[in-house]
Amino acid sequence: MNLFKLLSDLEQADPEISDRFSFYSRRNLLKFSSKLAAAGIPTLVAASLNKALAQTTTAPSQAAIDVANFALTLEYLEDEFYRMGLGTAGLIPGSDLAVINQISKHETAHVALLKGALGAAAVAKPTFKYPAGTFTSYATFLATARALEDTGVQAYKGQAGNLINDKAILQVALQIHSVEARHASEVRRMLGLKGWVSDPTQTTFTQGGVNLKTLPNVTGITDDNFRGAFDEPLTKAQVLAIAAPFLG
């Protein structure tokens, strides 16, 4: 253990630590035997860490809790969807079984991560329903998976701005968002589609307040290229409208 670096890092979080460690001058630290250091330092370090964490950790805002529970509801839906698909005999062909099984495990982990972040504030799993034929045709199952995954990616993006002041929840959302994007790309691959979204109905090309088509050096870049280069965020209302057929 690099003790001096550890003490320096702790001083950044807890400026008063130097007073509590004053009797451990750097000169004296070099004189201590390893046994004495091992016995005394961890206790003081632990106490200082607890104080530092207590000073820097803040509870998430109600807005952040609402966003996280919104995400949790979507993850509940995806988790159950893949579980039911895997539990339907003969639905998923052997060639895709490993991929679908892995995606299912990811969705279960997403639920666990969000519930862990929310603690007692986590909403209970709702009752879901599925459109007729969802689990009787593999083509329908994959099309549904595509809709859920594409929606999930855009839903997380749409809520990112509401988490800007709640870094702990934002970090959890970002951890999940990138994996959902990988799921969407993989499902699209299995459907024989491009891994990215290119919506022909999209007629605006503004990102971050800048019209991409007015930038220099964009000659030769088609509208389809612009559409595929960025995901559009979805509002909560838009996501709920898409998810409505699955809500009991």
Protein backbone atom coordinates (compact mmCIF):
# COMPACT_ATOMS: atom_id res chain seq x y z
CA MET A 1 0.00 0.00 0.00
CA ASN A 2 1.33 3.46 -0.93
CA LEU A 3 0.40 5.12 2.35
CA PHE A 4 1.53 8.63 1.44
CA LYS A 5 -0.56 8.61 -1.76
CA LEU A 6 -3.54 7.28 0.18
CA LEU A 7 -3.26 10.08 2.75
CA SER A 8 -2.92 12.63 -0.04
CA ASP A 9 -6.07 11.34 -1.73
CA LEU A 10 -7.95 11.41 1.55
CA GLU A 11 -6.91 15.01 2.17
CA GLN A 12 -8.67 15.96 -1.06
CA ALA A 13 -11.95 14.57 0.30
CA ASP A 14 -11.45 15.51 3.95
CA PRO A 15 -9.13 18.51 4.57
CA GLU A 16 -9.25 17.93 8.36
CA ILE A 17 -7.60 14.55 8.04
CA SER A 18 -4.15 16.11 8.33
CA ASP A 19 -4.99 17.21 11.89
CA ARG A 20 -6.11 13.72 12.88
CA PHE A 21 -2.96 12.26 11.39
CA SER A 22 -0.68 14.93 12.83
CA PHE A 23 1.05 12.49 15.17
CA TYR A 24 1.90 10.40 12.10
CA SER A 25 4.43 12.78 10.61
CA ARG A 26 6.01 11.55 7.41
CA ARG A 27 9.27 11.06 9.27
CA ASN A 28 7.64 9.00 12.00
CA LEU A 29 5.74 6.90 9.51
CA LEU A 30 9.02 5.67 8.13
CA LYS A 31 10.04 4.53 11.62
CA PHE A 32 6.92 2.48 12.33
CA SER A 33 7.14 -1.24 11.93
CA SER A 34 4.79 -2.78 9.38
CA LYS A 35 2.79 -4.40 12.19
CA LEU A 36 2.16 -1.12 13.97
CA ALA A 37 1.18 0.59 10.74
CA ALA A 38 -1.13 -2.25 9.86
CA ALA A 39 -2.76 -2.06 13.27
CA GLY A 40 -3.17 1.70 13.52
CA ILE A 41 -3.54 3.21 10.10
CA PRO A 42 -6.57 1.27 8.76
CA THR A 43 -8.75 2.35 11.68
CA LEU A 44 -7.95 6.00 11.13
CA VAL A 45 -8.30 5.69 7.38
CA ALA A 46 -11.69 4.03 7.73
CA ALA A 47 -12.92 6.76 10.05
CA SER A 48 -11.77 9.45 7.64
CA LEU A 49 -13.32 7.70 4.65
CA ASN A 50 -16.64 7.46 6.44
CA LYS A 51 -16.56 11.15 7.23
CA ALA A 52 -15.54 12.07 3.69
CA LEU A 53 -18.31 9.97 2.17
CA ALA A 54 -20.86 11.40 4.56
CA GLN A 55 -19.85 14.89 3.44
CA THR A 56 -19.90 14.21 -0.30
CA THR A 57 -22.79 11.75 -0.74
CA THR A 58 -26.18 13.33 -1.31
CA ALA A 59 -29.52 11.65 -1.78
CA PRO A 60 -30.86 11.71 -5.34
CA SER A 61 -33.56 14.25 -6.11
CA GLN A 62 -37.15 13.18 -6.59
CA ALA A 63 -36.77 13.97 -10.28
CA ALA A 64 -33.83 11.55 -10.53
CA ILE A 65 -35.76 8.89 -8.63
CA ASP A 66 -38.67 9.29 -11.05
CA VAL A 67 -36.34 8.90 -14.05
CA ALA A 68 -34.67 5.84 -12.53
CA ASN A 69 -38.04 4.22 -11.81
CA PHE A 70 -39.13 5.01 -15.37
CA ALA A 71 -35.99 3.20 -16.58
CA LEU A 72 -36.59 0.36 -14.13
CA THR A 73 -40.10 -0.17 -15.52
CA LEU A 74 -38.67 -0.51 -19.03
CA GLU A 75 -36.00 -2.91 -17.77
CA TYR A 76 -38.64 -4.99 -16.00
CA LEU A 77 -40.45 -5.24 -19.34
CA GLU A 78 -37.35 -6.26 -21.29
CA ASP A 79 -36.27 -8.71 -18.62
CA GLU A 80 -39.63 -10.46 -18.62
CA PHE A 81 -39.88 -10.36 -22.42
CA TYR A 82 -36.63 -12.25 -22.96
CA ARG A 83 -37.35 -14.67 -20.13
CA MET A 84 -40.69 -15.55 -21.70
CA GLY A 85 -39.11 -15.91 -25.12
CA LEU A 86 -36.46 -18.27 -23.78
CA GLY A 87 -39.13 -20.19 -21.90
CA THR A 88 -41.21 -20.80 -25.03
CA ALA A 89 -40.22 -24.14 -26.51
CA GLY A 90 -39.14 -24.03 -30.14
CA LEU A 91 -39.42 -20.25 -30.48
CA ILE A 92 -35.75 -19.25 -30.70
CA PRO A 93 -33.60 -21.12 -33.21
CA GLY A 94 -30.38 -22.67 -32.00
CA SER A 95 -28.31 -20.26 -34.10
CA ASP A 96 -29.57 -17.27 -32.08
CA LEU A 97 -30.11 -18.92 -28.72
CA ALA A 98 -26.74 -17.95 -27.18
CA VAL A 99 -27.20 -14.29 -28.14
CA ILE A 100 -30.76 -14.02 -26.84
CA ASN A 101 -29.75 -15.80 -23.64
CA GLN A 102 -26.92 -13.30 -23.09
CA ILE A 103 -29.16 -10.32 -23.73
CA SER A 104 -31.63 -11.76 -21.21
CA LYS A 105 -28.89 -11.99 -18.59
CA HIS A 106 -27.95 -8.37 -19.25
CA GLU A 107 -31.55 -7.22 -18.74
CA THR A 108 -31.73 -9.09 -15.44
CA ALA A 109 -28.52 -7.36 -14.37
CA HIS A 110 -29.95 -3.97 -15.39
CA VAL A 111 -32.97 -4.53 -13.17
CA ALA A 112 -30.71 -5.45 -10.27
CA LEU A 113 -28.49 -2.40 -10.80
CA LEU A 114 -31.40 0.05 -10.89
CA LYS A 115 -33.09 -1.56 -7.87
CA GLY A 116 -29.82 -1.37 -5.98
CA ALA A 117 -29.43 2.32 -6.84
CA LEU A 118 -33.02 3.13 -5.86
CA GLY A 119 -33.22 1.02 -2.72
CA ALA A 120 -36.55 1.39 -0.98
CA ALA A 121 -37.67 3.94 -3.60
CA ALA A 122 -37.72 1.30 -6.38
CA VAL A 123 -41.14 0.69 -7.89
CA ALA A 124 -42.58 -2.81 -7.90
CA LYS A 125 -42.66 -4.77 -11.12
CA PRO A 126 -45.94 -4.09 -12.94
CA THR A 127 -48.03 -6.65 -14.80
CA PHE A 128 -47.24 -6.76 -18.51
CA LYS A 129 -49.22 -7.99 -21.47
CA TYR A 130 -47.97 -8.80 -24.96
CA PRO A 131 -49.58 -8.37 -28.38
CA ALA A 132 -51.01 -11.54 -29.89
CA GLY A 133 -48.42 -13.65 -31.63
CA THR A 134 -45.42 -12.21 -29.77
CA PHE A 135 -44.27 -15.63 -28.63
CA THR A 136 -45.68 -17.80 -31.41
CA SER A 137 -43.56 -16.45 -34.26
CA TYR A 138 -39.80 -15.84 -34.06
CA ALA A 139 -40.11 -13.05 -36.62
CA THR A 140 -42.64 -11.30 -34.38
CA PHE A 141 -40.48 -11.92 -31.31
CA LEU A 142 -37.44 -10.35 -32.98
CA ALA A 143 -39.47 -7.42 -34.31
CA THR A 144 -40.73 -6.79 -30.77
CA ALA A 145 -37.18 -7.06 -29.41
CA ARG A 146 -36.07 -4.48 -31.95
CA ALA A 147 -38.84 -2.08 -30.92
CA LEU A 148 -38.05 -2.49 -27.22
CA GLU A 149 -34.29 -2.09 -27.63
CA ASP A 150 -34.47 0.89 -30.00
CA THR A 151 -36.96 2.56 -27.68
CA GLY A 152 -34.78 1.87 -24.64
CA VAL A 153 -31.74 3.51 -26.23
CA GLN A 154 -33.68 6.64 -27.13
CA ALA A 155 -35.47 6.70 -23.78
CA TYR A 156 -32.22 6.80 -21.80
CA LYS A 157 -30.90 9.54 -24.06
CA GLY A 158 -34.08 11.53 -23.62
CA GLN A 159 -33.76 11.50 -19.82
CA ALA A 160 -30.03 12.26 -19.55
CA GLY A 161 -30.61 15.99 -19.19
CA ASN A 162 -32.86 15.41 -16.18
CA LEU A 163 -30.02 13.64 -14.36
CA ILE A 164 -27.29 16.21 -14.88
CA ASN A 165 -27.30 17.18 -11.19
CA ASP A 166 -27.65 13.61 -9.90
CA LYS A 167 -24.35 12.05 -10.88
CA ALA A 168 -24.88 8.72 -9.11
CA ILE A 169 -28.12 7.97 -10.98
CA LEU A 170 -26.66 9.41 -14.20
CA GLN A 171 -23.73 7.00 -13.98
CA VAL A 172 -26.09 4.05 -13.56
CA ALA A 173 -28.13 5.19 -16.57
CA LEU A 174 -25.03 5.57 -18.73
CA GLN A 175 -23.78 2.13 -17.74
CA ILE A 176 -27.03 0.65 -19.03
CA HIS A 177 -27.52 2.94 -22.04
CA SER A 178 -24.41 1.79 -23.91
CA VAL A 179 -25.30 -1.88 -23.46
CA GLU A 180 -28.86 -1.29 -24.64
CA ALA A 181 -27.37 0.24 -27.80
CA ARG A 182 -25.33 -2.93 -28.33
CA HIS A 183 -28.47 -5.02 -27.85
CA ALA A 184 -30.33 -2.93 -30.43
CA SER A 185 -27.51 -3.33 -32.94
CA GLU A 186 -27.31 -7.09 -32.41
CA VAL A 187 -31.06 -7.60 -32.76
CA ARG A 188 -31.00 -5.54 -35.94
CA ARG A 189 -28.19 -7.74 -37.26
CA MET A 190 -30.29 -10.85 -36.63
CA LEU A 191 -33.12 -9.22 -38.59
CA GLY A 192 -30.80 -8.57 -41.51
CA LEU A 193 -30.85 -4.80 -40.93
CA LYS A 194 -28.14 -2.20 -40.43
CA GLY A 195 -26.93 -1.94 -36.85
CA TRP A 196 -27.90 1.72 -36.62
CA VAL A 197 -31.22 3.54 -37.01
CA SER A 198 -31.96 5.55 -40.14
CA ASP A 199 -35.52 6.79 -39.97
CA PRO A 200 -36.65 8.07 -43.41
CA THR A 201 -39.30 10.23 -41.73
CA GLN A 202 -36.61 12.28 -40.00
CA THR A 203 -36.35 15.58 -41.86
CA THR A 204 -34.43 17.70 -39.35
CA PHE A 205 -30.70 17.36 -38.95
CA THR A 206 -29.97 19.51 -35.89
CA GLN A 207 -27.79 18.15 -33.11
CA GLY A 208 -26.66 20.26 -30.15
CA GLY A 209 -28.32 23.28 -31.72
CA VAL A 210 -26.28 22.97 -34.92
CA ASN A 211 -27.71 22.09 -38.32
CA LEU A 212 -25.30 19.39 -39.47
CA LYS A 213 -25.97 20.07 -43.13
CA THR A 214 -24.59 23.62 -42.79
CA LEU A 215 -21.21 22.47 -41.48
CA PRO A 216 -18.14 22.65 -43.74
CA ASN A 217 -16.82 19.55 -45.50
CA VAL A 218 -20.13 17.68 -45.60
CA THR A 219 -20.28 17.39 -49.37
CA GLY A 220 -21.24 13.87 -50.37
CA ILE A 221 -22.85 12.99 -47.03
CA THR A 222 -26.39 11.89 -47.73
CA ASP A 223 -29.45 12.43 -45.57
CA ASP A 224 -29.38 8.72 -44.77
CA ASN A 225 -25.81 9.05 -43.49
CA PHE A 226 -26.81 11.94 -41.24
CA ARG A 227 -29.80 10.03 -39.90
CA GLY A 228 -27.74 6.97 -39.08
CA ALA A 229 -24.98 8.93 -37.35
CA PHE A 230 -27.15 10.07 -34.44
CA ASP A 231 -29.97 8.72 -32.29
CA GLU A 232 -32.85 11.04 -31.59
CA PRO A 233 -33.98 11.19 -27.94
CA LEU A 234 -37.52 10.23 -27.00
CA THR A 235 -39.52 12.06 -24.36
CA LYS A 236 -41.15 10.17 -21.51
CA ALA A 237 -44.56 10.66 -23.13
CA GLN A 238 -43.31 9.23 -26.42
CA VAL A 239 -41.82 6.20 -24.69
CA LEU A 240 -44.98 5.55 -22.69
CA ALA A 241 -47.03 5.72 -25.89
CA ILE A 242 -44.79 3.03 -27.43
CA ALA A 243 -44.89 0.93 -24.26
CA ALA A 244 -48.67 1.27 -23.77
CA PRO A 245 -49.55 -2.02 -25.54
CA PHE A 246 -47.37 -3.88 -23.01
CA LEU A 247 -48.82 -2.34 -19.87
CA GLY A 248 -51.55 -4.34 -18.16
